[in-house]
Amino acid sequence: DLHSFPTRRSSDLEPGAVDQPATDVTISYQASEEDFPNPERGFYRYTETSVNNFVPLNLNQLKNWRGLQQADGGNYSVYSTLVFRYYVLEDYTNNSLPAAFFDNLTTDFTTAREAGVKLIVRFTYTVKAISGNCPEGFACPPYGDASKNIVLQHIGQLKTVLQQNADVIAVLQMGFIGIWGENYYTDHFGDPSSNAQGKLMDNNWVSRSEVLQALLDAMPNDRMVQVRIPQMKQRFIYGVNASTGVPPLTEAEAFSNTDKARIGFHNDCFLASEDDYGTFADYGNTSSPRQFANEALRNYAKQDSRYVAVGGETCDDTFSPQNDCESGGRAQTEMRNMHYSYLNCAYNNAVNNDWQTGGCMDKIKKEIGYRFILKNGSFPSSIKAEAAWNFRIDLENVGYASPFNERPVKLIMRKQGSGELFSFDINTDIRKWYSGNIKLESAVTTSASMPKGRYDLLLFLPDKYASITNRPEYATRIANKDMWESSTGYNRLSATVEIPVLDRKSVV
């Protein structure tokens, strides 16, 4: 059994209550260069299905993807704990979604849970661009998406199943609007392409914001929704007249479960052109034109993205050498600046394969998202039962981002011999373990009921949801040698503490 005791801050303890021995044991840890799977980060696998031709996720395939497998169309192999899932609603632009669809969704989420993966979810009405005699050529209207009323109706229908399965939804993408759910080629929300008005009007921004608000409301407030362009977040937060220079999230606002703190970004044309094919464009409004705003919007995204979920895919290799490895290109620099947690391993591998041949793919695979390395730790060798004691751990996050979803951080004491477990919550927010050095200091208060003897110390970073909190597949692994326990999800700290047998004699 796992016994939990609440942890108090050192500052909350009465004077003299912390039982800190004169001599601590300091341990230095050795970093690992190994690549391995970790939750909610890395290269994702692509899947899609539709309402009327539903092909459920395959359990064995998902489990295989968690292992080292070759990328689809790639010259490299990856571990994948994330699976992108398109749900195409193509026959329901004028109708309610059928009950069978929600049963199928539940089955998908159950399969993902059993496989130990999480989903990046996007709903769309069409993934097909129909070419013709129009200015854009390859994509001509009508595009095949639904009206705002239908979209809002469908989101309302989806709310229950999304909330019930949020444990295995890493992030939800805005979707719904336009081909591929990328909010561009749309019949109902203002077509900013050269096929139509070439920009967005005030009423278009308002309608899009209504959809985004509905999606935020459909998910638990501990889950984020990603938008396709940074300006969508700006105009949702600050209104249709917001400039591209509005303030980004601050650390004080971050991770607060407010709407502003819950909107992230998915860039589906990473380093495809100077402004990533319009990702960093100002789409105007009723009183202003569409215009180039690459520098302002990149600066906004660079700051805001430190605190939200960021991912996407590459889409075109014509922006080479800029999208290549350093020093000829800037792929890794861009991922770090924009705090990328994940990318697609299936598209576009004309770009991704260059990272393999260029020599930076191994580094990208390990550093995309978070990667925590323990440097050293200081622990007492002997403690008293029913007393508080301090410890310190120094880490470094060498990854591009911190985790974007909350998860507990626990110190586990495991009694040698019996294996009995005692768990203590550490007062820290792992989402604030940003790139760079991290100092973790905490006080643990043991219980008088704990048996005397020696205890191994372990660091446990499980998922917060009870449904999967004890699943090692969903626990975060630290990138150090001889530390990971695959059967438990614990990270061994190579430290032991003793509650001496004679402890009671010291109590007057």
Protein backbone atom coordinates (compact mmCIF):
# COMPACT_ATOMS: atom_id res chain seq x y z
CA ASP A 1 0.00 0.00 0.00
CA LEU A 2 1.04 3.58 -0.65
CA HIS A 3 0.67 5.80 2.40
CA SER A 4 0.43 9.55 1.81
CA PHE A 5 1.34 12.20 4.35
CA PRO A 6 0.83 15.90 3.62
CA THR A 7 3.94 18.02 3.27
CA ARG A 8 4.23 21.38 4.95
CA ARG A 9 6.41 24.26 3.79
CA SER A 10 9.53 24.75 5.88
CA SER A 11 8.37 28.31 6.59
CA ASP A 12 5.16 26.94 8.14
CA LEU A 13 6.94 24.86 10.77
CA GLU A 14 7.33 25.90 14.39
CA PRO A 15 10.85 27.03 15.43
CA GLY A 16 13.02 24.01 15.99
CA ALA A 17 10.55 21.60 14.39
CA VAL A 18 12.78 20.66 11.46
CA ASP A 19 14.95 17.74 12.39
CA GLN A 20 17.97 18.40 10.19
CA PRO A 21 21.08 16.39 11.06
CA ALA A 22 24.41 18.21 11.14
CA THR A 23 25.71 16.16 8.25
CA ASP A 24 23.77 15.51 5.05
CA VAL A 25 24.78 13.13 2.33
CA THR A 26 25.31 14.82 -1.04
CA ILE A 27 24.97 12.66 -4.15
CA SER A 28 26.13 13.57 -7.65
CA TYR A 29 24.17 12.08 -10.53
CA GLN A 30 25.34 11.08 -13.99
CA ALA A 31 23.32 12.28 -16.97
CA SER A 32 22.13 9.78 -19.57
CA GLU A 33 22.34 10.31 -23.33
CA GLU A 34 19.61 7.71 -23.89
CA ASP A 35 16.48 8.51 -25.88
CA PHE A 36 13.30 7.16 -24.29
CA PRO A 37 9.53 7.81 -24.19
CA ASN A 38 8.07 10.37 -21.83
CA PRO A 39 4.46 11.58 -21.53
CA GLU A 40 3.08 14.56 -23.47
CA ARG A 41 6.18 15.30 -25.50
CA GLY A 42 8.10 14.10 -28.57
CA PHE A 43 7.15 13.10 -32.10
CA TYR A 44 3.52 12.11 -32.49
CA ARG A 45 1.87 9.49 -34.71
CA TYR A 46 -0.85 10.57 -37.12
CA THR A 47 -4.26 8.91 -37.33
CA GLU A 48 -7.66 9.92 -38.71
CA THR A 49 -11.15 8.47 -38.90
CA SER A 50 -14.65 9.66 -39.74
CA VAL A 51 -18.07 9.42 -38.11
CA ASN A 52 -19.70 7.07 -40.63
CA ASN A 53 -16.58 5.05 -41.47
CA PHE A 54 -15.12 4.84 -38.01
CA VAL A 55 -11.92 2.80 -37.75
CA PRO A 56 -11.02 2.57 -34.06
CA LEU A 57 -7.52 2.94 -32.71
CA ASN A 58 -5.58 -0.32 -32.64
CA LEU A 59 -4.24 -1.26 -29.21
CA ASN A 60 -1.23 -3.22 -30.43
CA GLN A 61 -0.27 -0.47 -32.85
CA LEU A 62 -0.38 2.14 -30.10
CA LYS A 63 1.75 -0.05 -27.84
CA ASN A 64 4.24 -0.60 -30.65
CA TRP A 65 4.46 3.14 -31.25
CA ARG A 66 5.55 3.60 -27.64
CA GLY A 67 8.63 1.61 -28.60
CA LEU A 68 11.33 2.72 -31.03
CA GLN A 69 9.71 2.54 -34.46
CA GLN A 70 10.56 4.03 -37.84
CA ALA A 71 8.69 7.22 -38.69
CA ASP A 72 6.14 7.00 -41.51
CA GLY A 73 8.07 8.05 -44.59
CA GLY A 74 11.03 8.89 -42.40
CA ASN A 75 14.68 7.90 -42.35
CA TYR A 76 14.67 8.01 -38.54
CA SER A 77 12.96 6.17 -35.67
CA VAL A 78 11.08 7.60 -32.70
CA TYR A 79 9.33 6.74 -29.46
CA SER A 80 5.77 8.07 -29.52
CA THR A 81 3.61 8.63 -26.45
CA LEU A 82 1.39 11.07 -28.36
CA VAL A 83 -1.08 10.17 -31.10
CA PHE A 84 -2.73 12.84 -33.22
CA ARG A 85 -6.36 11.96 -33.87
CA TYR A 86 -8.47 13.59 -36.58
CA TYR A 87 -12.20 13.05 -36.22
CA VAL A 88 -13.79 13.97 -39.55
CA LEU A 89 -17.45 15.01 -39.33
CA GLU A 90 -17.87 15.25 -43.11
CA ASP A 91 -21.49 14.06 -43.37
CA TYR A 92 -22.76 16.16 -40.49
CA THR A 93 -22.59 19.76 -41.63
CA ASN A 94 -26.35 20.05 -41.17
CA ASN A 95 -27.18 17.35 -38.59
CA SER A 96 -26.58 16.36 -35.00
CA LEU A 97 -23.85 13.84 -34.36
CA PRO A 98 -25.17 10.28 -33.86
CA ALA A 99 -25.03 8.48 -30.53
CA ALA A 100 -22.85 5.72 -32.00
CA PHE A 101 -20.08 8.26 -32.60
CA PHE A 102 -19.79 9.02 -28.90
CA ASP A 103 -19.57 5.31 -28.13
CA ASN A 104 -16.76 5.05 -30.68
CA LEU A 105 -14.98 8.04 -29.16
CA THR A 106 -15.18 6.41 -25.75
CA THR A 107 -13.70 3.23 -27.20
CA ASP A 108 -10.80 5.21 -28.68
CA PHE A 109 -10.05 6.89 -25.38
CA THR A 110 -10.23 3.56 -23.56
CA THR A 111 -7.77 2.04 -26.03
CA ALA A 112 -5.38 4.97 -25.65
CA ARG A 113 -5.56 4.61 -21.87
CA GLU A 114 -4.81 0.90 -22.02
CA ALA A 115 -1.88 1.49 -24.40
CA GLY A 116 -0.31 4.17 -22.20
CA VAL A 117 -0.53 7.01 -24.74
CA LYS A 118 -2.35 10.34 -24.93
CA LEU A 119 -4.21 11.93 -27.82
CA ILE A 120 -3.93 15.29 -29.55
CA VAL A 121 -7.53 15.73 -30.67
CA ARG A 122 -8.92 17.77 -33.57
CA PHE A 123 -12.40 17.73 -35.08
CA THR A 124 -12.95 18.87 -38.66
CA TYR A 125 -15.63 18.57 -41.32
CA THR A 126 -13.28 17.99 -44.23
CA VAL A 127 -9.68 17.08 -44.93
CA LYS A 128 -10.01 17.40 -48.71
CA ALA A 129 -8.99 20.37 -50.84
CA ILE A 130 -10.88 20.39 -54.14
CA SER A 131 -9.00 22.06 -56.97
CA GLY A 132 -10.68 24.13 -59.65
CA ASN A 133 -10.90 27.44 -61.46
CA CYS A 134 -10.34 29.84 -58.57
CA PRO A 135 -7.48 32.14 -57.57
CA GLU A 136 -6.00 29.61 -55.11
CA GLY A 137 -6.31 26.80 -57.64
CA PHE A 138 -5.67 23.78 -55.42
CA ALA A 139 -8.45 24.68 -52.96
CA CYS A 140 -11.68 26.16 -54.28
CA PRO A 141 -15.00 26.86 -52.54
CA PRO A 142 -17.31 25.53 -51.41
CA TYR A 143 -14.92 23.95 -48.92
CA GLY A 144 -17.34 21.80 -46.93
CA ASP A 145 -17.27 23.02 -43.34
CA ALA A 146 -20.31 23.79 -41.16
CA SER A 147 -22.05 26.93 -39.97
CA LYS A 148 -21.38 28.40 -36.54
CA ASN A 149 -24.69 27.14 -35.14
CA ILE A 150 -23.90 23.57 -36.16
CA VAL A 151 -20.34 23.83 -34.83
CA LEU A 152 -21.56 25.08 -31.46
CA GLN A 153 -24.22 22.36 -31.37
CA HIS A 154 -21.61 19.67 -32.00
CA ILE A 155 -19.24 21.05 -29.38
CA GLY A 156 -22.11 20.96 -26.90
CA GLN A 157 -22.71 17.31 -27.78
CA LEU A 158 -19.03 16.47 -27.37
CA LYS A 159 -18.56 18.13 -23.98
CA THR A 160 -19.44 15.14 -21.83
CA VAL A 161 -17.19 12.63 -23.57
CA LEU A 162 -14.29 15.12 -23.67
CA GLN A 163 -14.56 15.85 -19.96
CA GLN A 164 -14.91 12.19 -19.04
CA ASN A 165 -11.73 11.31 -20.93
CA ALA A 166 -9.55 14.36 -20.33
CA ASP A 167 -7.01 12.13 -18.59
CA VAL A 168 -5.85 10.82 -21.98
CA ILE A 169 -6.29 14.04 -23.96
CA ALA A 170 -2.95 15.83 -23.90
CA VAL A 171 -4.41 18.87 -25.64
CA LEU A 172 -7.42 19.77 -27.81
CA GLN A 173 -6.92 21.73 -31.04
CA MET A 174 -9.48 24.34 -32.08
CA GLY A 175 -10.30 22.66 -35.40
CA PHE A 176 -13.90 22.68 -36.75
CA ILE A 177 -13.40 25.70 -39.03
CA GLY A 178 -12.25 25.23 -42.63
CA ILE A 179 -10.41 22.47 -44.51
CA TRP A 180 -8.31 20.38 -42.12
CA GLY A 181 -9.78 22.40 -39.26
CA GLU A 182 -7.00 24.93 -39.83
CA ASN A 183 -9.36 27.93 -39.72
CA TYR A 184 -8.43 29.24 -43.18
CA TYR A 185 -10.41 27.95 -46.20
CA THR A 186 -13.91 28.23 -44.76
CA ASP A 187 -17.43 28.73 -46.10
CA HIS A 188 -18.86 30.25 -42.91
CA PHE A 189 -16.24 32.09 -40.82
CA GLY A 190 -14.72 34.53 -43.32
CA ASP A 191 -12.38 33.28 -46.06
CA PRO A 192 -9.10 35.23 -45.79
CA SER A 193 -7.67 33.61 -48.93
CA SER A 194 -7.50 35.20 -52.38
CA ASN A 195 -10.60 33.16 -53.24
CA ALA A 196 -12.72 35.61 -51.25
CA GLN A 197 -12.27 38.68 -49.04
CA GLY A 198 -8.54 38.21 -48.41
CA LYS A 199 -8.81 39.11 -44.72
CA LEU A 200 -11.09 38.66 -41.71
CA MET A 201 -13.89 41.03 -40.73
CA ASP A 202 -14.97 41.95 -37.20
CA ASN A 203 -17.89 39.53 -37.29
CA ASN A 204 -15.53 36.73 -38.44
CA TRP A 205 -13.31 37.26 -35.40
CA VAL A 206 -16.34 37.31 -33.11
CA SER A 207 -17.69 34.05 -34.57
CA ARG A 208 -14.31 32.34 -34.27
CA SER A 209 -14.00 33.53 -30.68
CA GLU A 210 -17.40 32.01 -29.89
CA VAL A 211 -16.14 28.64 -31.13
CA LEU A 212 -12.94 28.95 -29.12
CA GLN A 213 -14.90 29.87 -25.99
CA ALA A 214 -17.16 26.86 -26.48
CA LEU A 215 -14.14 24.56 -26.75
CA LEU A 216 -12.53 26.02 -23.63
CA ASP A 217 -15.82 25.46 -21.81
CA ALA A 218 -16.11 21.90 -23.17
CA MET A 219 -12.80 20.85 -21.63
CA PRO A 220 -11.89 20.74 -17.93
CA ASN A 221 -10.09 23.92 -16.92
CA ASP A 222 -6.84 21.99 -16.45
CA ARG A 223 -6.63 21.28 -20.20
CA MET A 224 -5.50 23.63 -22.95
CA VAL A 225 -6.91 24.37 -26.40
CA GLN A 226 -4.48 25.18 -29.21
CA VAL A 227 -5.19 27.75 -31.93
CA ARG A 228 -3.67 27.77 -35.40
CA ILE A 229 -2.41 31.38 -35.43
CA PRO A 230 -1.21 33.58 -32.55
CA GLN A 231 -3.55 36.40 -33.63
CA MET A 232 -6.54 34.18 -32.82
CA LYS A 233 -5.50 34.22 -29.16
CA GLN A 234 -4.79 37.96 -29.23
CA ARG A 235 -8.22 38.85 -30.59
CA PHE A 236 -10.01 36.37 -28.36
CA ILE A 237 -8.42 37.94 -25.28
CA TYR A 238 -8.28 41.61 -26.29
CA GLY A 239 -11.05 41.96 -28.90
CA VAL A 240 -11.32 42.40 -32.66
CA ASN A 241 -9.28 45.62 -32.66
CA ALA A 242 -6.35 44.19 -30.73
CA SER A 243 -2.98 45.04 -32.25
CA THR A 244 -0.25 42.49 -32.85
CA GLY A 245 1.67 44.16 -30.01
CA VAL A 246 -0.69 43.24 -27.16
CA PRO A 247 0.96 41.79 -24.02
CA PRO A 248 1.67 38.05 -23.93
CA LEU A 249 1.09 35.87 -20.90
CA THR A 250 3.16 36.69 -17.85
CA GLU A 251 4.41 34.14 -15.34
CA ALA A 252 1.97 35.56 -12.79
CA GLU A 253 -0.92 34.79 -15.16
CA ALA A 254 0.37 31.41 -16.34
CA PHE A 255 -1.09 28.05 -15.25
CA SER A 256 -4.01 29.80 -13.54
CA ASN A 257 -6.74 27.85 -15.40
CA THR A 258 -8.06 31.10 -16.88
CA ASP A 259 -8.94 31.25 -20.58
CA LYS A 260 -5.86 33.35 -21.29
CA ALA A 261 -3.63 30.77 -19.63
CA ARG A 262 -5.26 27.83 -21.45
CA ILE A 263 -4.77 28.84 -25.10
CA GLY A 264 -1.72 27.35 -26.80
CA PHE A 265 -0.54 27.12 -30.41
CA HIS A 266 -0.18 24.52 -33.16
CA ASN A 267 1.92 25.61 -36.12
CA ASP A 268 1.22 23.23 -39.00
CA CYS A 269 3.78 24.85 -41.30
CA PHE A 270 6.81 25.06 -39.03
CA LEU A 271 9.64 26.91 -40.83
CA ALA A 272 7.86 26.64 -44.19
CA SER A 273 8.39 30.29 -45.19
CA GLU A 274 9.38 33.59 -43.64
CA ASP A 275 6.04 33.78 -41.80
CA ASP A 276 5.28 30.04 -41.89
CA TYR A 277 2.67 30.40 -44.64
CA GLY A 278 0.62 33.00 -42.84
CA THR A 279 0.97 31.63 -39.31
CA PHE A 280 2.50 34.95 -38.26
CA ALA A 281 0.31 37.27 -40.36
CA ASP A 282 -2.06 40.04 -39.33
CA TYR A 283 -5.40 39.12 -40.93
CA GLY A 284 -6.87 42.59 -40.48
CA ASN A 285 -10.45 43.39 -39.53
CA THR A 286 -13.34 45.42 -40.93
CA SER A 287 -11.40 48.69 -40.69
CA SER A 288 -7.83 47.46 -41.36
CA PRO A 289 -6.16 45.44 -44.14
CA ARG A 290 -4.36 42.14 -43.96
CA GLN A 291 -0.67 42.86 -43.57
CA PHE A 292 2.72 41.39 -42.84
CA ALA A 293 3.41 41.16 -39.09
CA ASN A 294 6.01 38.42 -38.86
CA GLU A 295 8.35 40.07 -36.37
CA ALA A 296 5.67 41.31 -33.97
CA LEU A 297 3.76 38.03 -33.90
CA ARG A 298 6.89 35.90 -33.57
CA ASN A 299 7.97 38.02 -30.61
CA TYR A 300 4.53 37.61 -29.05
CA ALA A 301 4.52 33.85 -29.58
CA LYS A 302 8.08 33.52 -28.31
CA GLN A 303 7.06 35.01 -24.95
CA ASP A 304 3.55 33.56 -24.64
CA SER A 305 4.62 30.05 -25.63
CA ARG A 306 6.78 29.64 -22.52
CA TYR A 307 3.62 28.91 -20.56
CA VAL A 308 1.35 27.01 -22.97
CA ALA A 309 1.22 23.87 -25.12
CA VAL A 310 3.04 24.28 -28.46
CA GLY A 311 3.32 21.73 -31.27
CA GLY A 312 2.60 21.16 -34.93
CA GLU A 313 4.24 19.82 -38.03
CA THR A 314 6.47 20.77 -40.94
CA CYS A 315 4.72 21.17 -44.30
CA ASP A 316 7.15 22.29 -47.05
CA ASP A 317 10.89 22.01 -47.63
CA THR A 318 11.21 25.03 -49.92
CA PHE A 319 12.35 27.21 -47.00
CA SER A 320 15.72 25.51 -46.95
CA PRO A 321 18.36 26.03 -45.59
CA GLN A 322 16.50 28.00 -42.90
CA ASN A 323 14.55 24.90 -41.81
CA ASP A 324 17.70 22.76 -41.64
CA CYS A 325 20.00 21.91 -38.74
CA GLU A 326 22.30 24.53 -37.31
CA SER A 327 24.62 26.11 -38.31
CA GLY A 328 23.24 26.36 -41.84
CA GLY A 329 19.66 26.50 -40.62
CA ARG A 330 17.77 27.37 -37.45
CA ALA A 331 15.46 24.40 -36.76
CA GLN A 332 16.59 23.72 -33.19
CA THR A 333 16.87 27.40 -32.34
CA GLU A 334 13.29 27.97 -33.50
CA MET A 335 11.98 25.00 -31.52
CA ARG A 336 13.70 26.27 -28.40
CA ASN A 337 12.59 29.88 -28.89
CA MET A 338 8.98 28.82 -29.43
CA HIS A 339 9.04 26.13 -26.70
CA TYR A 340 7.94 23.18 -28.83
CA SER A 341 6.67 20.11 -27.00
CA TYR A 342 5.80 17.95 -30.02
CA LEU A 343 5.93 17.56 -33.81
CA ASN A 344 4.48 15.17 -36.40
CA CYS A 345 6.73 12.29 -37.46
CA ALA A 346 4.65 11.56 -40.59
CA TYR A 347 4.59 14.98 -42.29
CA ASN A 348 6.47 16.54 -43.92
CA ASN A 349 9.44 14.23 -43.93
CA ALA A 350 11.06 16.09 -46.79
CA VAL A 351 11.92 18.47 -43.93
CA ASN A 352 12.31 16.06 -41.02
CA ASN A 353 14.56 13.67 -42.94
CA ASP A 354 17.01 16.53 -43.46
CA TRP A 355 17.41 16.76 -39.70
CA GLN A 356 18.52 13.14 -39.69
CA THR A 357 21.00 13.53 -42.53
CA GLY A 358 22.09 16.89 -41.14
CA GLY A 359 22.99 15.36 -37.79
CA CYS A 360 20.60 17.13 -35.41
CA MET A 361 17.68 14.68 -35.26
CA ASP A 362 19.04 12.73 -32.29
CA LYS A 363 19.28 15.95 -30.30
CA ILE A 364 15.80 17.10 -31.38
CA LYS A 365 14.27 13.76 -30.39
CA LYS A 366 15.68 14.09 -26.88
CA GLU A 367 15.16 17.80 -26.32
CA ILE A 368 11.74 18.51 -27.85
CA GLY A 369 9.45 19.18 -24.91
CA TYR A 370 11.04 18.69 -21.49
CA ARG A 371 14.09 16.64 -20.49
CA PHE A 372 15.04 16.70 -16.81
CA ILE A 373 18.52 15.80 -15.60
CA LEU A 374 19.35 15.49 -11.90
CA LYS A 375 22.70 17.04 -11.09
CA ASN A 376 22.99 16.47 -7.34
CA GLY A 377 20.93 15.97 -4.23
CA SER A 378 21.43 16.49 -0.50
CA PHE A 379 19.60 14.23 1.97
CA PRO A 380 19.92 13.40 5.67
CA SER A 381 21.22 9.97 6.52
CA SER A 382 19.13 9.65 9.66
CA ILE A 383 15.77 11.15 10.63
CA LYS A 384 13.23 10.94 13.43
CA ALA A 385 9.72 9.66 13.05
CA GLU A 386 7.08 12.34 13.53
CA ALA A 387 9.48 15.12 12.58
CA ALA A 388 10.20 17.32 9.59
CA TRP A 389 13.42 17.14 7.62
CA ASN A 390 14.75 19.02 4.62
CA PHE A 391 16.25 17.84 1.36
CA ARG A 392 17.51 19.58 -1.77
CA ILE A 393 17.70 18.45 -5.40
CA ASP A 394 19.38 20.38 -8.23
CA LEU A 395 18.09 19.64 -11.73
CA GLU A 396 18.41 21.00 -15.23
CA ASN A 397 15.75 21.01 -17.93
CA VAL A 398 17.72 20.72 -21.18
CA GLY A 399 14.50 20.52 -23.22
CA TYR A 400 12.80 23.22 -25.23
CA ALA A 401 9.79 23.53 -22.92
CA SER A 402 8.41 22.71 -19.51
CA PRO A 403 5.49 20.29 -19.14
CA PHE A 404 2.28 22.06 -20.13
CA ASN A 405 -0.05 19.94 -18.00
CA GLU A 406 0.01 19.84 -14.22
CA ARG A 407 1.36 16.74 -12.50
CA PRO A 408 2.29 15.96 -8.90
CA VAL A 409 5.88 15.70 -7.70
CA LYS A 410 6.30 13.18 -4.90
CA LEU A 411 9.07 11.89 -2.69
CA ILE A 412 8.61 8.17 -2.04
CA MET A 413 10.15 6.43 0.96
CA ARG A 414 10.34 2.67 0.37
CA LYS A 415 11.27 0.52 3.35
CA GLN A 416 14.07 -1.87 2.68
CA GLY A 417 13.02 -5.47 3.18
CA SER A 418 9.26 -5.07 3.31
CA GLY A 419 8.94 -2.67 0.35
CA GLU A 420 6.29 -0.67 2.23
CA LEU A 421 5.73 2.72 0.58
CA PHE A 422 5.19 6.18 2.04
CA SER A 423 4.45 9.12 -0.26
CA PHE A 424 5.01 12.83 0.35
CA ASP A 425 3.84 15.65 -1.90
CA ILE A 426 6.57 18.14 -2.76
CA ASN A 427 5.56 21.78 -2.90
CA THR A 428 6.48 22.65 -6.49
CA ASP A 429 4.80 23.20 -9.87
CA ILE A 430 6.45 21.08 -12.55
CA ARG A 431 5.01 23.36 -15.24
CA LYS A 432 7.43 26.00 -13.94
CA TRP A 433 10.45 23.76 -14.38
CA TYR A 434 11.45 25.87 -17.36
CA SER A 435 14.48 25.29 -19.56
CA GLY A 436 17.59 25.80 -17.46
CA ASN A 437 18.53 25.11 -13.86
CA ILE A 438 15.96 24.15 -11.22
CA LYS A 439 16.46 24.09 -7.44
CA LEU A 440 14.02 21.90 -5.57
CA GLU A 441 13.99 22.34 -1.80
CA SER A 442 11.32 20.91 0.45
CA ALA A 443 10.55 19.66 3.94
CA VAL A 444 9.01 16.25 4.58
CA THR A 445 7.12 15.43 7.76
CA THR A 446 7.24 11.76 8.66
CA SER A 447 4.67 9.94 10.78
CA ALA A 448 5.15 8.33 14.17
CA SER A 449 3.52 5.20 12.75
CA MET A 450 6.31 4.63 10.22
CA PRO A 451 8.32 1.48 11.05
CA LYS A 452 11.92 1.92 12.16
CA GLY A 453 14.54 0.93 9.66
CA ARG A 454 16.18 2.04 6.43
CA TYR A 455 14.29 3.59 3.50
CA ASP A 456 15.25 4.11 -0.11
CA LEU A 457 14.30 7.50 -1.52
CA LEU A 458 12.63 7.82 -4.93
CA LEU A 459 11.26 10.68 -6.99
CA PHE A 460 7.83 10.08 -8.52
CA LEU A 461 6.21 12.36 -11.11
CA PRO A 462 2.89 10.64 -11.93
CA ASP A 463 -0.10 11.82 -13.90
CA LYS A 464 -2.56 13.82 -11.77
CA TYR A 465 -5.63 11.84 -12.88
CA ALA A 466 -6.53 8.97 -10.53
CA SER A 467 -7.39 6.73 -13.49
CA ILE A 468 -3.74 6.59 -14.60
CA THR A 469 -1.74 8.00 -11.69
CA ASN A 470 -0.24 4.60 -10.82
CA ARG A 471 0.55 3.68 -14.42
CA PRO A 472 4.34 3.86 -15.01
CA GLU A 473 3.73 4.64 -18.71
CA TYR A 474 2.26 7.98 -17.64
CA ALA A 475 5.01 8.87 -15.14
CA THR A 476 7.87 11.18 -16.08
CA ARG A 477 11.30 9.65 -16.41
CA ILE A 478 14.41 11.57 -15.37
CA ALA A 479 17.32 11.44 -17.85
CA ASN A 480 19.98 9.95 -15.58
CA LYS A 481 21.82 6.65 -15.62
CA ASP A 482 20.61 3.77 -13.44
CA MET A 483 17.64 5.74 -12.11
CA TRP A 484 14.45 4.64 -13.87
CA GLU A 485 12.25 1.83 -12.57
CA SER A 486 10.07 0.81 -15.49
CA SER A 487 7.84 -1.38 -13.32
CA THR A 488 6.87 1.43 -10.94
CA GLY A 489 7.54 4.71 -12.75
CA TYR A 490 9.83 5.77 -9.89
CA ASN A 491 13.19 7.48 -10.29
CA ARG A 492 15.76 6.10 -7.82
CA LEU A 493 17.64 8.83 -5.98
CA SER A 494 20.40 6.45 -4.80
CA ALA A 495 19.88 7.78 -1.28
CA THR A 496 18.75 6.07 1.91
CA VAL A 497 17.55 7.47 5.20
CA GLU A 498 17.19 5.66 8.49
CA ILE A 499 14.63 5.95 11.24
CA PRO A 500 16.71 4.52 14.08
CA VAL A 501 15.31 1.83 16.34
CA LEU A 502 16.31 3.91 19.37
CA ASP A 503 14.39 6.93 18.09
CA ARG A 504 11.78 6.85 20.89
CA LYS A 505 14.42 7.14 23.64
CA SER A 506 15.33 10.60 22.36
CA VAL A 507 11.77 11.80 22.94
CA VAL A 508 11.16 13.27 26.42
